[in-house]
PDB file of all heavy atoms in Angstrom:
ATOM      1  N   ASN A   1    -148.849  33.963  40.021  1.00  0.00           N
ATOM      2  CA  ASN A   1    -150.152  34.635  40.122  1.00  0.00           C
ATOM      3  C   ASN A   1    -150.403  35.256  41.488  1.00  0.00           C
ATOM      4  O   ASN A   1    -151.052  36.307  41.560  1.00  0.00           O
ATOM      5  CB  ASN A   1    -151.275  33.649  39.801  1.00  0.00           C
ATOM      6  CG  ASN A   1    -151.407  33.385  38.316  1.00  0.00           C
ATOM      7  OD1 ASN A   1    -152.003  34.160  37.584  1.00  0.00           O
ATOM      8  ND2 ASN A   1    -150.824  32.289  37.857  1.00  0.00           N
ATOM      9  N   LEU A   2    -149.946  34.650  42.547  1.00  0.00           N
ATOM     10  CA  LEU A   2    -150.292  35.130  43.881  1.00  0.00           C
ATOM     11  C   LEU A   2    -149.187  35.921  44.573  1.00  0.00           C
ATOM     12  O   LEU A   2    -149.452  36.587  45.566  1.00  0.00           O
ATOM     13  CB  LEU A   2    -150.692  33.943  44.776  1.00  0.00           C
ATOM     14  CG  LEU A   2    -152.006  33.257  44.401  1.00  0.00           C
ATOM     15  CD1 LEU A   2    -152.315  32.141  45.382  1.00  0.00           C
ATOM     16  CD2 LEU A   2    -153.153  34.253  44.365  1.00  0.00           C
ATOM     17  N   ILE A   3    -147.969  35.870  44.081  1.00  0.00           N
ATOM     18  CA  ILE A   3    -146.874  36.585  44.740  1.00  0.00           C
ATOM     19  C   ILE A   3    -146.151  37.528  43.780  1.00  0.00           C
ATOM     20  O   ILE A   3    -146.061  38.730  44.013  1.00  0.00           O
ATOM     21  CB  ILE A   3    -145.869  35.582  45.361  1.00  0.00           C
ATOM     22  CG1 ILE A   3    -146.573  34.750  46.432  1.00  0.00           C
ATOM     23  CG2 ILE A   3    -144.670  36.331  45.958  1.00  0.00           C
ATOM     24  CD1 ILE A   3    -145.719  33.664  47.039  1.00  0.00           C
ATOM     25  N   ILE A   4    -145.665  36.990  42.674  1.00  0.00           N
ATOM     26  CA  ILE A   4    -144.845  37.790  41.764  1.00  0.00           C
ATOM     27  C   ILE A   4    -145.667  38.862  41.063  1.00  0.00           C
ATOM     28  O   ILE A   4    -145.235  40.011  40.941  1.00  0.00           O
ATOM     29  CB  ILE A   4    -144.147  36.878  40.736  1.00  0.00           C
ATOM     30  CG1 ILE A   4    -143.189  35.937  41.454  1.00  0.00           C
ATOM     31  CG2 ILE A   4    -143.401  37.716  39.699  1.00  0.00           C
ATOM     32  CD1 ILE A   4    -142.535  34.918  40.544  1.00  0.00           C
ATOM     33  N   ALA A   5    -146.869  38.500  40.589  1.00  0.00           N
ATOM     34  CA  ALA A   5    -147.683  39.459  39.824  1.00  0.00           C
ATOM     35  C   ALA A   5    -148.036  40.712  40.624  1.00  0.00           C
ATOM     36  O   ALA A   5    -147.801  41.831  40.151  1.00  0.00           O
ATOM     37  CB  ALA A   5    -148.945  38.776  39.299  1.00  0.00           C
ATOM     38  N   PRO A   6    -148.594  40.595  41.848  1.00  0.00           N
ATOM     39  CA  PRO A   6    -148.889  41.835  42.585  1.00  0.00           C
ATOM     40  C   PRO A   6    -147.639  42.599  42.984  1.00  0.00           C
ATOM     41  O   PRO A   6    -147.646  43.831  43.037  1.00  0.00           O
ATOM     42  CB  PRO A   6    -149.648  41.334  43.825  1.00  0.00           C
ATOM     43  CG  PRO A   6    -149.290  39.897  43.957  1.00  0.00           C
ATOM     44  CD  PRO A   6    -149.068  39.401  42.572  1.00  0.00           C
ATOM     45  N   PHE A   7    -146.533  41.870  43.249  1.00  0.00           N
ATOM     46  CA  PHE A   7    -145.270  42.534  43.601  1.00  0.00           C
ATOM     47  C   PHE A   7    -144.772  43.392  42.441  1.00  0.00           C
ATOM     48  O   PHE A   7    -144.442  44.566  42.618  1.00  0.00           O
ATOM     49  CB  PHE A   7    -144.233  41.477  43.978  1.00  0.00           C
ATOM     50  CG  PHE A   7    -142.862  42.031  44.233  1.00  0.00           C
ATOM     51  CD1 PHE A   7    -142.556  42.646  45.436  1.00  0.00           C
ATOM     52  CD2 PHE A   7    -141.872  41.942  43.265  1.00  0.00           C
ATOM     53  CE1 PHE A   7    -141.294  43.161  45.667  1.00  0.00           C
ATOM     54  CE2 PHE A   7    -140.606  42.454  43.485  1.00  0.00           C
ATOM     55  CZ  PHE A   7    -140.316  43.069  44.688  1.00  0.00           C
ATOM     56  N   THR A   8    -144.709  42.799  41.251  1.00  0.00           N
ATOM     57  CA  THR A   8    -144.212  43.551  40.088  1.00  0.00           C
ATOM     58  C   THR A   8    -145.175  44.663  39.683  1.00  0.00           C
ATOM     59  O   THR A   8    -144.746  45.700  39.170  1.00  0.00           O
ATOM     60  CB  THR A   8    -143.987  42.612  38.892  1.00  0.00           C
ATOM     61  OG1 THR A   8    -145.205  41.901  38.596  1.00  0.00           O
ATOM     62  CG2 THR A   8    -142.896  41.609  39.196  1.00  0.00           C
ATOM     63  N   HIS A   9    -146.485  44.466  39.914  1.00  0.00           N
ATOM     64  CA  HIS A   9    -147.467  45.502  39.592  1.00  0.00           C
ATOM     65  C   HIS A   9    -147.157  46.786  40.351  1.00  0.00           C
ATOM     66  O   HIS A   9    -147.214  47.888  39.795  1.00  0.00           O
ATOM     67  CB  HIS A   9    -148.867  44.999  39.945  1.00  0.00           C
ATOM     68  CG  HIS A   9    -149.967  45.804  39.344  1.00  0.00           C
ATOM     69  ND1 HIS A   9    -151.277  45.682  39.747  1.00  0.00           N
ATOM     70  CD2 HIS A   9    -149.979  46.747  38.363  1.00  0.00           C
ATOM     71  CE1 HIS A   9    -152.029  46.506  39.039  1.00  0.00           C
ATOM     72  NE2 HIS A   9    -151.265  47.162  38.206  1.00  0.00           N
ATOM     73  N   ALA A  10    -146.797  46.644  41.625  1.00  0.00           N
ATOM     74  CA  ALA A  10    -146.501  47.815  42.449  1.00  0.00           C
ATOM     75  C   ALA A  10    -145.094  48.332  42.216  1.00  0.00           C
ATOM     76  O   ALA A  10    -144.872  49.542  42.074  1.00  0.00           O
ATOM     77  CB  ALA A  10    -146.689  47.463  43.931  1.00  0.00           C
ATOM     78  N   VAL A  11    -144.115  47.418  42.152  1.00  0.00           N
ATOM     79  CA  VAL A  11    -142.713  47.835  42.104  1.00  0.00           C
ATOM     80  C   VAL A  11    -142.363  48.486  40.775  1.00  0.00           C
ATOM     81  O   VAL A  11    -141.531  49.401  40.722  1.00  0.00           O
ATOM     82  CB  VAL A  11    -141.792  46.629  42.402  1.00  0.00           C
ATOM     83  CG1 VAL A  11    -140.333  46.977  42.113  1.00  0.00           C
ATOM     84  CG2 VAL A  11    -141.943  46.202  43.852  1.00  0.00           C
ATOM     85  N   ARG A  12    -142.979  48.045  39.687  1.00  0.00           N
ATOM     86  CA  ARG A  12    -142.697  48.656  38.380  1.00  0.00           C
ATOM     87  C   ARG A  12    -142.996  50.151  38.414  1.00  0.00           C
ATOM     88  O   ARG A  12    -142.191  50.977  37.954  1.00  0.00           O
ATOM     89  CB  ARG A  12    -143.522  47.980  37.287  1.00  0.00           C
ATOM     90  CG  ARG A  12    -143.265  48.540  35.891  1.00  0.00           C
ATOM     91  CD  ARG A  12    -144.199  47.913  34.876  1.00  0.00           C
ATOM     92  NE  ARG A  12    -143.932  46.507  34.664  1.00  0.00           N
ATOM     93  CZ  ARG A  12    -144.697  45.513  35.111  1.00  0.00           C
ATOM     94  NH1 ARG A  12    -145.790  45.786  35.816  1.00  0.00           N
ATOM     95  NH2 ARG A  12    -144.383  44.263  34.879  1.00  0.00           N
ATOM     96  N   LEU A  13    -144.143  50.503  38.943  1.00  0.00           N
ATOM     97  CA  LEU A  13    -144.515  51.921  39.041  1.00  0.00           C
ATOM     98  C   LEU A  13    -143.594  52.667  39.995  1.00  0.00           C
ATOM     99  O   LEU A  13    -143.071  53.740  39.666  1.00  0.00           O
ATOM    100  CB  LEU A  13    -145.973  52.028  39.501  1.00  0.00           C
ATOM    101  CG  LEU A  13    -146.508  53.429  39.779  1.00  0.00           C
ATOM    102  CD1 LEU A  13    -146.450  54.301  38.528  1.00  0.00           C
ATOM    103  CD2 LEU A  13    -147.945  53.353  40.318  1.00  0.00           C
ATOM    104  N   PHE A  14    -143.381  52.091  41.173  1.00  0.00           N
ATOM    105  CA  PHE A  14    -142.535  52.739  42.175  1.00  0.00           C
ATOM    106  C   PHE A  14    -141.117  52.970  41.653  1.00  0.00           C
ATOM    107  O   PHE A  14    -140.560  54.068  41.772  1.00  0.00           O
ATOM    108  CB  PHE A  14    -142.490  51.879  43.444  1.00  0.00           C
ATOM    109  CG  PHE A  14    -141.265  52.097  44.287  1.00  0.00           C
ATOM    110  CD1 PHE A  14    -141.119  53.258  45.035  1.00  0.00           C
ATOM    111  CD2 PHE A  14    -140.247  51.151  44.321  1.00  0.00           C
ATOM    112  CE1 PHE A  14    -139.976  53.475  45.799  1.00  0.00           C
ATOM    113  CE2 PHE A  14    -139.113  51.359  45.079  1.00  0.00           C
ATOM    114  CZ  PHE A  14    -138.980  52.517  45.822  1.00  0.00           C
ATOM    115  N   ALA A  15    -140.500  51.936  41.070  1.00  0.00           N
ATOM    116  CA  ALA A  15    -139.100  52.021  40.649  1.00  0.00           C
ATOM    117  C   ALA A  15    -138.903  53.077  39.567  1.00  0.00           C
ATOM    118  O   ALA A  15    -137.910  53.826  39.587  1.00  0.00           O
ATOM    119  CB  ALA A  15    -138.621  50.661  40.156  1.00  0.00           C
ATOM    120  N   ASN A  16    -139.834  53.160  38.611  1.00  0.00           N
ATOM    121  CA  ASN A  16    -139.708  54.155  37.554  1.00  0.00           C
ATOM    122  C   ASN A  16    -139.834  55.567  38.098  1.00  0.00           C
ATOM    123  O   ASN A  16    -139.079  56.469  37.691  1.00  0.00           O
ATOM    124  CB  ASN A  16    -140.770  53.914  36.477  1.00  0.00           C
ATOM    125  CG  ASN A  16    -140.356  52.850  35.491  1.00  0.00           C
ATOM    126  OD1 ASN A  16    -139.658  53.123  34.520  1.00  0.00           O
ATOM    127  ND2 ASN A  16    -140.777  51.624  35.724  1.00  0.00           N
ATOM    128  N   MET A  17    -140.773  55.798  39.005  1.00  0.00           N
ATOM    129  CA  MET A  17    -140.943  57.139  39.552  1.00  0.00           C
ATOM    130  C   MET A  17    -139.798  57.515  40.496  1.00  0.00           C
ATOM    131  O   MET A  17    -139.333  58.661  40.516  1.00  0.00           O
ATOM    132  CB  MET A  17    -142.290  57.236  40.288  1.00  0.00           C
ATOM    133  CG  MET A  17    -143.496  57.087  39.376  1.00  0.00           C
ATOM    134  SD  MET A  17    -143.501  58.300  38.015  1.00  0.00           S
ATOM    135  CE  MET A  17    -142.908  57.285  36.649  1.00  0.00           C
ATOM    136  N   PHE A  18    -139.307  56.554  41.250  1.00  0.00           N
ATOM    137  CA  PHE A  18    -138.183  56.799  42.154  1.00  0.00           C
ATOM    138  C   PHE A  18    -136.932  57.185  41.359  1.00  0.00           C
ATOM    139  O   PHE A  18    -136.274  58.188  41.645  1.00  0.00           O
ATOM    140  CB  PHE A  18    -137.924  55.539  42.986  1.00  0.00           C
ATOM    141  CG  PHE A  18    -136.815  55.676  43.990  1.00  0.00           C
ATOM    142  CD1 PHE A  18    -137.076  56.093  45.286  1.00  0.00           C
ATOM    143  CD2 PHE A  18    -135.506  55.372  43.642  1.00  0.00           C
ATOM    144  CE1 PHE A  18    -136.054  56.220  46.219  1.00  0.00           C
ATOM    145  CE2 PHE A  18    -134.468  55.490  44.569  1.00  0.00           C
ATOM    146  CZ  PHE A  18    -134.745  55.916  45.847  1.00  0.00           C
ATOM    147  N   ALA A  19    -136.624  56.386  40.337  1.00  0.00           N
ATOM    148  CA  ALA A  19    -135.426  56.647  39.535  1.00  0.00           C
ATOM    149  C   ALA A  19    -135.546  57.959  38.774  1.00  0.00           C
ATOM    150  O   ALA A  19    -134.571  58.730  38.682  1.00  0.00           O
ATOM    151  CB  ALA A  19    -135.201  55.489  38.561  1.00  0.00           C
ATOM    152  N   GLY A  20    -136.707  58.241  38.215  1.00  0.00           N
ATOM    153  CA  GLY A  20    -136.898  59.486  37.480  1.00  0.00           C
ATOM    154  C   GLY A  20    -136.726  60.707  38.365  1.00  0.00           C
ATOM    155  O   GLY A  20    -136.114  61.707  37.955  1.00  0.00           O
ATOM    156  N   HIS A  21    -137.256  60.638  39.579  1.00  0.00           N
ATOM    157  CA  HIS A  21    -137.126  61.766  40.503  1.00  0.00           C
ATOM    158  C   HIS A  21    -135.663  61.979  40.891  1.00  0.00           C
ATOM    159  O   HIS A  21    -135.190  63.128  40.986  1.00  0.00           O
ATOM    160  CB  HIS A  21    -137.966  61.490  41.755  1.00  0.00           C
ATOM    161  CG  HIS A  21    -138.111  62.673  42.661  1.00  0.00           C
ATOM    162  ND1 HIS A  21    -138.556  63.910  42.230  1.00  0.00           N
ATOM    163  CD2 HIS A  21    -137.856  62.815  43.990  1.00  0.00           C
ATOM    164  CE1 HIS A  21    -138.578  64.759  43.247  1.00  0.00           C
ATOM    165  NE2 HIS A  21    -138.147  64.118  44.322  1.00  0.00           N
ATOM    166  N   MET A  22    -134.937  60.890  41.096  1.00  0.00           N
ATOM    167  CA  MET A  22    -133.511  60.992  41.416  1.00  0.00           C
ATOM    168  C   MET A  22    -132.732  61.653  40.284  1.00  0.00           C
ATOM    169  O   MET A  22    -131.887  62.525  40.513  1.00  0.00           O
ATOM    170  CB  MET A  22    -132.952  59.599  41.694  1.00  0.00           C
ATOM    171  CG  MET A  22    -133.346  59.020  43.038  1.00  0.00           C
ATOM    172  SD  MET A  22    -132.476  59.813  44.410  1.00  0.00           S
ATOM    173  CE  MET A  22    -130.791  59.279  44.088  1.00  0.00           C
ATOM    174  N   LEU A  23    -133.001  61.241  39.047  1.00  0.00           N
ATOM    175  CA  LEU A  23    -132.271  61.800  37.904  1.00  0.00           C
ATOM    176  C   LEU A  23    -132.545  63.292  37.735  1.00  0.00           C
ATOM    177  O   LEU A  23    -131.624  64.085  37.508  1.00  0.00           O
ATOM    178  CB  LEU A  23    -132.651  61.052  36.623  1.00  0.00           C
ATOM    179  CG  LEU A  23    -132.009  59.679  36.431  1.00  0.00           C
ATOM    180  CD1 LEU A  23    -132.610  58.985  35.223  1.00  0.00           C
ATOM    181  CD2 LEU A  23    -130.499  59.809  36.273  1.00  0.00           C
ATOM    182  N   LEU A  24    -133.820  63.674  37.832  1.00  0.00           N
ATOM    183  CA  LEU A  24    -134.159  65.085  37.697  1.00  0.00           C
ATOM    184  C   LEU A  24    -133.524  65.919  38.812  1.00  0.00           C
ATOM    185  O   LEU A  24    -133.011  67.023  38.562  1.00  0.00           O
ATOM    186  CB  LEU A  24    -135.679  65.264  37.695  1.00  0.00           C
ATOM    187  CG  LEU A  24    -136.421  64.803  36.444  1.00  0.00           C
ATOM    188  CD1 LEU A  24    -137.924  64.989  36.610  1.00  0.00           C
ATOM    189  CD2 LEU A  24    -135.938  65.546  35.210  1.00  0.00           C
ATOM    190  N   ALA A  25    -133.554  65.393  40.021  1.00  0.00           N
ATOM    191  CA  ALA A  25    -132.948  66.115  41.138  1.00  0.00           C
ATOM    192  C   ALA A  25    -131.433  66.247  40.947  1.00  0.00           C
ATOM    193  O   ALA A  25    -130.850  67.301  41.221  1.00  0.00           O
ATOM    194  CB  ALA A  25    -133.249  65.398  42.453  1.00  0.00           C
ATOM    195  N   PHE A  26    -130.806  65.191  40.453  1.00  0.00           N
ATOM    196  CA  PHE A  26    -129.358  65.210  40.260  1.00  0.00           C
ATOM    197  C   PHE A  26    -128.947  66.262  39.231  1.00  0.00           C
ATOM    198  O   PHE A  26    -128.088  67.104  39.498  1.00  0.00           O
ATOM    199  CB  PHE A  26    -128.880  63.822  39.817  1.00  0.00           C
ATOM    200  CG  PHE A  26    -127.455  63.790  39.367  1.00  0.00           C
ATOM    201  CD1 PHE A  26    -126.424  63.900  40.290  1.00  0.00           C
ATOM    202  CD2 PHE A  26    -127.135  63.663  38.027  1.00  0.00           C
ATOM    203  CE1 PHE A  26    -125.092  63.884  39.883  1.00  0.00           C
ATOM    204  CE2 PHE A  26    -125.813  63.644  37.611  1.00  0.00           C
ATOM    205  CZ  PHE A  26    -124.790  63.753  38.541  1.00  0.00           C
ATOM    206  N   PHE A  27    -129.560  66.243  38.047  1.00  0.00           N
ATOM    207  CA  PHE A  27    -129.132  67.168  36.994  1.00  0.00           C
ATOM    208  C   PHE A  27    -129.538  68.611  37.296  1.00  0.00           C
ATOM    209  O   PHE A  27    -128.809  69.539  36.952  1.00  0.00           O
ATOM    210  CB  PHE A  27    -129.689  66.717  35.641  1.00  0.00           C
ATOM    211  CG  PHE A  27    -128.926  65.576  35.037  1.00  0.00           C
ATOM    212  CD1 PHE A  27    -129.453  64.304  35.024  1.00  0.00           C
ATOM    213  CD2 PHE A  27    -127.661  65.781  34.508  1.00  0.00           C
ATOM    214  CE1 PHE A  27    -128.738  63.240  34.487  1.00  0.00           C
ATOM    215  CE2 PHE A  27    -126.934  64.725  33.970  1.00  0.00           C
ATOM    216  CZ  PHE A  27    -127.479  63.442  33.960  1.00  0.00           C
ATOM    217  N   SER A  28    -130.679  68.806  37.928  1.00  0.00           N
ATOM    218  CA  SER A  28    -131.052  70.175  38.298  1.00  0.00           C
ATOM    219  C   SER A  28    -130.101  70.719  39.359  1.00  0.00           C
ATOM    220  O   SER A  28    -129.743  71.902  39.345  1.00  0.00           O
ATOM    221  CB  SER A  28    -132.500  70.220  38.796  1.00  0.00           C
ATOM    222  OG  SER A  28    -132.671  69.408  39.942  1.00  0.00           O
ATOM    223  N   MET A  29    -129.660  69.855  40.277  1.00  0.00           N
ATOM    224  CA  MET A  29    -128.695  70.281  41.287  1.00  0.00           C
ATOM    225  C   MET A  29    -127.349  70.628  40.656  1.00  0.00           C
ATOM    226  O   MET A  29    -126.705  71.610  41.030  1.00  0.00           O
ATOM    227  CB  MET A  29    -128.528  69.172  42.327  1.00  0.00           C
ATOM    228  CG  MET A  29    -127.544  69.476  43.454  1.00  0.00           C
ATOM    229  SD  MET A  29    -125.858  69.003  43.059  1.00  0.00           S
ATOM    230  CE  MET A  29    -126.025  67.229  43.031  1.00  0.00           C
ATOM    231  N   VAL A  30    -126.921  69.818  39.658  1.00  0.00           N
ATOM    232  CA  VAL A  30    -125.667  70.096  38.962  1.00  0.00           C
ATOM    233  C   VAL A  30    -125.732  71.467  38.278  1.00  0.00           C
ATOM    234  O   VAL A  30    -124.807  72.277  38.370  1.00  0.00           O
ATOM    235  CB  VAL A  30    -125.354  68.986  37.930  1.00  0.00           C
ATOM    236  CG1 VAL A  30    -124.217  69.405  37.003  1.00  0.00           C
ATOM    237  CG2 VAL A  30    -124.987  67.692  38.636  1.00  0.00           C
TER     238      VAL A  30
END
């Protein structure tokens, strides 16, 4: 409740947007 929940709340959003931006940049560059 005090450590894992707020960590995953932020990282879930960050990780999905980070990975998506990388993939789009990679294929558009190709």
